[in-house]
Amino acid sequence: MFAVYAKEANPDDPLASLVVGERPEPEVPDGWVKVSVRAASLNMHDIWTLRGVGIKQEQFPMILGCDGAGVLDDGTEVVIHSVVNDASWRGDDTLDPKRTLLTEKHQGTFADSVVVPARNVLPKPAGLSFAEAATMGTAWLTAYRMLFVKSGLRPGQTFLVQGASGGVSTALVQLGRAAGFRVWVTGRSEEKRALAEQLGAHQTFESGARLPERVDAVFETVGKATWAHSMKSLKPGGTIVVSGSTSGPDPSADLQRLFFLQLNVVGSTMGTRDELADLLSYTDLAGIRPQIGAELPFKQAESGFSDMMKGATAGKIVFVR
């Protein structure tokens, strides 16, 4: 079957390991289902996989793609939840010590079909296209958990999103505006800041700019490059919610500010199946549609990967067939 996959780990030149070609048809174990993929979205996790982060060498070649939407053999239209749990696990899906994501141990969604546990598919809302639904399982679910599960914020409070145009960032803007928060965003360019305002941000600022006032929470996916600004932007008792570190994982902790102002630093990873179900219901009820920056055929996957690595994004990059 057709697939977009990583042939091996390549930390220095990840795109050199990207292959658009053929892979064997997947087998379907008991309790799993096959999804004929209609659309799948690109995530930074796919770049990390090409670099060899979070995956063992013996797992290659690995079909990429953490999330997607498609059709079951009986015609049911579904959205894929990417967190695969141990069969015996009970509790928060994201806290299972044996959990894995698609593309870490199990083959991903950038293919004609993907095989996942039966509990990992949810009905696709009729109001979402396959391309829109394909953004939900990773970036939008991450944003939903950061905002509604981890931040402790109440509608009417102010939060700052570091970075204006990525998938998680644009989701935070849209979800937060719809839920009644005051949304501030930083962005490296006028174009990226304009996109955030178009999606609902109340104010936007240049990266690192002094804010008019301190905020109740900051949402971090950038890491080292923005961490000092995030810490300085918080009110006493405020919270940083972190779900990524694309610019590096090792900033100064700024411990004096942390303890003196009693700041909170909260980690957040993906989301549970139930949270994905709630997210799908929420977007459907609120009429929210994800920002898709580029919709490309699977055969042009390399172009999408190249744009993501250059930071040339304006929302989600989605591959469709």
Protein backbone atom coordinates (compact mmCIF):
# COMPACT_ATOMS: atom_id res chain seq x y z
CA MET A 1 0.00 0.00 0.00
CA PHE A 2 1.04 3.62 -0.45
CA ALA A 3 2.74 5.17 2.61
CA VAL A 4 4.92 8.05 3.76
CA TYR A 5 7.53 6.65 6.13
CA ALA A 6 10.88 7.08 7.86
CA LYS A 7 13.41 4.56 6.64
CA GLU A 8 15.84 5.20 9.53
CA ALA A 9 16.78 7.77 12.15
CA ASN A 10 18.69 10.79 10.89
CA PRO A 11 19.29 13.41 13.62
CA ASP A 12 21.20 15.81 11.36
CA ASP A 13 19.19 15.65 8.14
CA PRO A 14 15.73 14.27 8.95
CA LEU A 15 14.26 14.81 5.49
CA ALA A 16 16.90 12.50 4.04
CA SER A 17 15.13 9.64 5.83
CA LEU A 18 11.68 10.50 4.48
CA VAL A 19 10.34 8.09 1.86
CA VAL A 20 7.16 8.35 -0.20
CA GLY A 21 6.58 4.84 -1.47
CA GLU A 22 5.10 1.45 -0.68
CA ARG A 23 4.79 -0.58 2.51
CA PRO A 24 3.11 -3.95 3.25
CA GLU A 25 -0.61 -4.07 4.01
CA PRO A 26 -1.16 -4.16 7.79
CA GLU A 27 -2.54 -7.17 9.65
CA VAL A 28 -5.51 -6.60 11.96
CA PRO A 29 -5.10 -8.21 15.42
CA ASP A 30 -8.11 -9.19 17.53
CA GLY A 31 -9.66 -6.13 19.13
CA TRP A 32 -8.17 -3.78 16.53
CA VAL A 33 -9.76 -2.17 13.47
CA LYS A 34 -8.52 -1.01 10.08
CA VAL A 35 -9.18 2.59 9.09
CA SER A 36 -9.02 3.63 5.45
CA VAL A 37 -7.33 7.01 5.84
CA ARG A 38 -8.93 10.00 4.15
CA ALA A 39 -6.81 12.73 5.77
CA ALA A 40 -3.98 13.00 8.29
CA SER A 41 -2.22 16.03 9.74
CA LEU A 42 1.47 16.71 10.17
CA ASN A 43 2.88 17.26 13.67
CA MET A 44 6.28 18.12 15.10
CA HIS A 45 6.27 14.59 16.49
CA ASP A 46 6.79 13.37 12.92
CA ILE A 47 9.95 15.47 12.64
CA TRP A 48 11.20 14.02 15.92
CA THR A 49 10.52 10.52 14.62
CA LEU A 50 12.65 11.22 11.56
CA ARG A 51 15.39 12.40 13.92
CA GLY A 52 15.09 9.19 15.94
CA VAL A 53 13.63 10.77 19.08
CA GLY A 54 11.19 8.58 21.04
CA ILE A 55 11.63 5.56 18.79
CA LYS A 56 14.00 2.60 18.93
CA GLN A 57 16.21 1.83 15.94
CA GLU A 58 14.61 -1.60 15.46
CA GLN A 59 11.19 0.05 14.92
CA PHE A 60 12.27 1.45 11.53
CA PRO A 61 10.99 1.64 8.87
CA MET A 62 8.07 3.48 10.49
CA ILE A 63 5.03 4.91 8.72
CA LEU A 64 4.62 8.47 9.97
CA GLY A 65 1.47 10.26 11.09
CA CYS A 66 0.16 10.52 14.65
CA ASP A 67 -3.45 11.27 13.88
CA GLY A 68 -6.04 11.24 11.16
CA ALA A 69 -9.59 10.58 10.06
CA GLY A 70 -11.06 7.95 7.79
CA VAL A 71 -13.59 5.20 7.27
CA LEU A 72 -14.03 1.77 8.84
CA ASP A 73 -14.82 -1.29 6.75
CA ASP A 74 -18.53 -0.86 7.58
CA GLY A 75 -18.54 2.73 6.30
CA THR A 76 -18.44 4.48 9.67
CA GLU A 77 -16.55 7.79 9.51
CA VAL A 78 -14.12 8.09 12.41
CA VAL A 79 -11.46 10.22 14.08
CA ILE A 80 -8.38 8.46 15.47
CA HIS A 81 -7.15 8.83 19.05
CA SER A 82 -3.37 8.47 18.92
CA VAL A 83 -2.59 7.34 22.48
CA VAL A 84 -2.34 3.54 22.52
CA ASN A 85 -2.61 2.10 26.03
CA ASP A 86 -1.63 -1.18 27.58
CA ALA A 87 -4.68 -3.47 27.53
CA SER A 88 -4.69 -3.74 31.33
CA TRP A 89 -4.44 0.00 32.03
CA ARG A 90 -7.29 1.75 33.83
CA GLY A 91 -7.24 5.49 34.40
CA ASP A 92 -5.99 8.60 32.61
CA ASP A 93 -4.76 7.40 29.20
CA THR A 94 -1.83 9.83 29.27
CA LEU A 95 -0.44 8.54 32.59
CA ASP A 96 -0.13 4.89 31.56
CA PRO A 97 3.62 4.14 31.92
CA LYS A 98 3.32 1.70 29.01
CA ARG A 99 1.43 4.10 26.74
CA THR A 100 2.74 4.85 23.29
CA LEU A 101 1.76 7.08 20.40
CA LEU A 102 1.27 6.01 16.84
CA THR A 103 4.66 6.11 15.06
CA GLU A 104 6.59 5.16 18.22
CA LYS A 105 5.76 1.45 18.29
CA HIS A 106 2.77 1.11 15.95
CA GLN A 107 2.67 2.24 12.32
CA GLY A 108 1.12 5.63 11.65
CA THR A 109 -1.59 7.24 9.57
CA PHE A 110 0.31 8.52 6.51
CA ALA A 111 -0.83 5.54 4.44
CA ASP A 112 -3.77 4.06 2.60
CA SER A 113 -4.82 2.42 5.87
CA VAL A 114 -3.84 2.23 9.54
CA VAL A 115 -4.64 -0.34 12.22
CA VAL A 116 -5.52 0.82 15.75
CA PRO A 117 -7.28 -0.60 18.84
CA ALA A 118 -11.06 -0.46 18.48
CA ARG A 119 -11.34 2.00 21.41
CA ASN A 120 -9.07 4.41 19.54
CA VAL A 121 -11.66 5.44 16.99
CA LEU A 122 -14.47 7.89 17.66
CA PRO A 123 -17.36 8.92 15.40
CA LYS A 124 -16.50 11.90 13.19
CA PRO A 125 -18.95 14.78 13.57
CA ALA A 126 -20.83 15.32 10.33
CA GLY A 127 -19.99 19.02 10.45
CA LEU A 128 -16.25 18.41 10.20
CA SER A 129 -14.57 17.56 6.92
CA PHE A 130 -12.03 14.73 6.96
CA ALA A 131 -9.23 17.29 6.75
CA GLU A 132 -10.61 19.25 9.71
CA ALA A 133 -11.21 16.09 11.73
CA ALA A 134 -7.63 14.98 11.06
CA THR A 135 -6.30 17.90 13.14
CA MET A 136 -8.20 16.92 16.26
CA GLY A 137 -6.34 13.91 17.62
CA THR A 138 -2.99 15.53 18.41
CA ALA A 139 -2.69 19.33 18.13
CA TRP A 140 -6.25 20.22 19.05
CA LEU A 141 -6.49 17.57 21.75
CA THR A 142 -3.21 18.83 23.24
CA ALA A 143 -4.58 22.38 23.27
CA TYR A 144 -7.91 21.28 24.77
CA ARG A 145 -6.20 19.47 27.67
CA MET A 146 -3.78 22.36 28.27
CA LEU A 147 -6.60 24.90 28.48
CA PHE A 148 -9.53 23.08 30.05
CA VAL A 149 -7.88 20.35 32.12
CA LYS A 150 -4.46 21.62 33.19
CA SER A 151 -4.50 25.43 33.38
CA GLY A 152 -7.08 26.02 36.12
CA LEU A 153 -8.23 29.14 34.28
CA ARG A 154 -11.73 30.60 34.41
CA PRO A 155 -13.49 32.40 31.55
CA GLY A 156 -12.75 36.11 31.77
CA GLN A 157 -9.11 35.60 32.68
CA THR A 158 -6.18 36.37 30.38
CA PHE A 159 -3.71 33.93 28.89
CA LEU A 160 -0.72 34.28 26.59
CA VAL A 161 0.14 31.86 23.79
CA GLN A 162 3.82 31.79 22.84
CA GLY A 163 3.96 31.43 19.06
CA ALA A 164 1.20 32.43 16.72
CA SER A 165 0.92 29.99 13.85
CA GLY A 166 1.49 26.38 14.89
CA GLY A 167 -1.23 23.78 15.24
CA VAL A 168 -1.43 23.83 19.05
CA SER A 169 -1.15 27.62 19.16
CA THR A 170 -3.93 28.28 16.66
CA ALA A 171 -6.13 25.74 18.46
CA LEU A 172 -5.56 27.50 21.79
CA VAL A 173 -6.55 30.82 20.24
CA GLN A 174 -9.76 29.45 18.75
CA LEU A 175 -10.75 27.38 21.78
CA GLY A 176 -9.96 30.17 24.22
CA ARG A 177 -11.82 32.88 22.32
CA ALA A 178 -14.92 30.67 22.00
CA ALA A 179 -14.84 29.88 25.74
CA GLY A 180 -14.69 33.49 26.92
CA PHE A 181 -11.03 34.02 27.77
CA ARG A 182 -8.97 37.08 26.89
CA VAL A 183 -6.40 35.74 24.44
CA TRP A 184 -2.99 37.30 23.87
CA VAL A 185 -0.44 35.89 21.45
CA THR A 186 3.21 36.48 20.52
CA GLY A 187 4.45 36.01 16.97
CA ARG A 188 7.71 36.49 15.08
CA SER A 189 6.19 38.25 12.07
CA GLU A 190 3.35 40.59 11.20
CA GLU A 191 1.85 37.84 9.06
CA LYS A 192 1.78 35.34 11.93
CA ARG A 193 0.36 37.92 14.34
CA ALA A 194 -2.32 38.88 11.81
CA LEU A 195 -3.32 35.21 11.55
CA ALA A 196 -3.74 35.01 15.33
CA GLU A 197 -5.94 38.10 15.31
CA GLN A 198 -7.98 36.69 12.45
CA LEU A 199 -8.58 33.55 14.53
CA GLY A 200 -9.74 35.51 17.56
CA ALA A 201 -6.76 36.79 19.54
CA HIS A 202 -7.63 40.02 21.37
CA GLN A 203 -4.07 41.36 21.12
CA THR A 204 -0.82 40.23 19.57
CA PHE A 205 2.77 41.19 20.35
CA GLU A 206 6.23 40.72 18.92
CA SER A 207 8.17 37.85 20.42
CA GLY A 208 9.65 38.90 23.76
CA ALA A 209 7.72 42.18 23.91
CA ARG A 210 6.77 43.71 27.26
CA LEU A 211 3.06 43.11 27.83
CA PRO A 212 0.60 45.80 28.99
CA GLU A 213 0.02 43.75 32.15
CA ARG A 214 0.85 40.33 33.49
CA VAL A 215 -1.33 37.37 32.60
CA ASP A 216 -3.00 34.54 34.51
CA ALA A 217 -1.40 31.78 32.43
CA VAL A 218 1.05 31.18 29.60
CA PHE A 219 0.86 28.28 27.17
CA GLU A 220 4.31 27.07 26.12
CA THR A 221 5.26 24.87 23.20
CA VAL A 222 8.46 26.72 22.22
CA GLY A 223 10.69 26.15 25.23
CA LYS A 224 14.15 27.68 25.60
CA ALA A 225 13.67 30.66 23.27
CA THR A 226 10.57 31.99 25.05
CA TRP A 227 10.84 30.61 28.60
CA ALA A 228 12.29 33.73 30.25
CA HIS A 229 9.57 35.87 28.68
CA SER A 230 6.90 33.42 29.81
CA MET A 231 8.13 33.54 33.41
CA LYS A 232 8.26 37.35 33.43
CA SER A 233 4.77 37.61 31.91
CA LEU A 234 2.96 35.81 34.75
CA LYS A 235 1.04 37.34 37.62
CA PRO A 236 1.97 36.13 41.11
CA GLY A 237 0.43 32.69 41.47
CA GLY A 238 0.13 32.31 37.71
CA THR A 239 0.63 29.14 35.71
CA ILE A 240 2.73 28.04 32.76
CA VAL A 241 1.37 24.99 30.95
CA VAL A 242 4.04 23.25 28.88
CA SER A 243 3.41 20.71 26.13
CA GLY A 244 6.49 21.11 23.96
CA SER A 245 9.97 22.57 23.58
CA THR A 246 10.65 23.02 19.89
CA SER A 247 13.51 25.48 20.48
CA GLY A 248 15.18 23.36 23.15
CA PRO A 249 14.29 21.71 26.48
CA ASP A 250 16.85 23.33 28.81
CA PRO A 251 16.10 26.98 29.67
CA SER A 252 17.08 28.57 32.98
CA ALA A 253 14.45 27.54 35.51
CA ASP A 254 14.51 31.03 37.12
CA LEU A 255 13.89 29.43 40.50
CA GLN A 256 13.95 32.68 42.48
CA ARG A 257 11.05 34.06 40.45
CA LEU A 258 9.32 30.68 40.62
CA PHE A 259 9.25 30.43 44.41
CA PHE A 260 9.01 34.13 45.27
CA LEU A 261 5.96 34.70 43.05
CA GLN A 262 4.61 31.20 43.79
CA LEU A 263 4.31 30.36 40.12
CA ASN A 264 3.06 27.02 38.86
CA VAL A 265 4.69 25.00 36.07
CA VAL A 266 2.43 22.25 34.73
CA GLY A 267 3.28 19.62 32.16
CA SER A 268 0.67 18.42 29.67
CA THR A 269 0.85 15.66 27.08
CA MET A 270 -1.81 14.82 24.50
CA GLY A 271 -5.20 13.95 26.04
CA THR A 272 -7.51 11.10 26.89
CA ARG A 273 -10.07 9.41 24.69
CA ASP A 274 -12.87 11.02 26.72
CA GLU A 275 -11.27 14.45 26.29
CA LEU A 276 -11.12 13.89 22.54
CA ALA A 277 -14.82 12.99 22.56
CA ASP A 278 -15.56 16.20 24.50
CA LEU A 279 -13.39 18.23 22.12
CA LEU A 280 -15.25 16.90 19.10
CA SER A 281 -18.57 17.71 20.75
CA TYR A 282 -17.38 21.18 21.77
CA THR A 283 -16.15 22.16 18.32
CA ASP A 284 -19.37 20.88 16.81
CA LEU A 285 -21.57 22.78 19.29
CA ALA A 286 -19.53 25.99 19.06
CA GLY A 287 -19.17 25.85 15.29
CA ILE A 288 -15.37 26.05 15.57
CA ARG A 289 -13.39 24.95 12.53
CA PRO A 290 -9.64 24.38 12.78
CA GLN A 291 -7.25 26.60 10.88
CA ILE A 292 -5.72 24.60 8.03
CA GLY A 293 -2.72 26.36 6.58
CA ALA A 294 -2.06 23.88 3.78
CA GLU A 295 -3.96 20.91 2.37
CA LEU A 296 -1.69 18.73 0.25
CA PRO A 297 -1.99 15.34 -1.45
CA PHE A 298 -0.05 12.62 0.34
CA LYS A 299 2.34 12.36 -2.59
CA GLN A 300 3.50 15.93 -1.85
CA ALA A 301 4.30 15.10 1.78
CA GLU A 302 7.93 16.19 1.50
CA SER A 303 6.81 19.74 0.73
CA GLY A 304 4.73 19.82 3.91
CA PHE A 305 7.59 18.45 6.02
CA SER A 306 9.95 21.06 4.56
CA ASP A 307 7.54 23.91 5.39
CA MET A 308 7.15 22.70 8.97
CA MET A 309 10.90 22.49 9.48
CA LYS A 310 11.28 26.06 8.17
CA GLY A 311 8.47 27.32 10.41
CA ALA A 312 6.45 28.29 7.32
CA THR A 313 3.11 27.34 8.86
CA ALA A 314 -0.21 29.15 9.13
CA GLY A 315 -2.20 26.53 11.00
CA LYS A 316 -2.21 22.80 10.42
CA ILE A 317 -0.60 21.08 7.45
CA VAL A 318 -2.94 18.30 6.35
CA PHE A 319 -2.36 15.52 3.83
CA VAL A 320 -5.42 14.26 1.97
CA ARG A 321 -6.28 11.71 -0.66
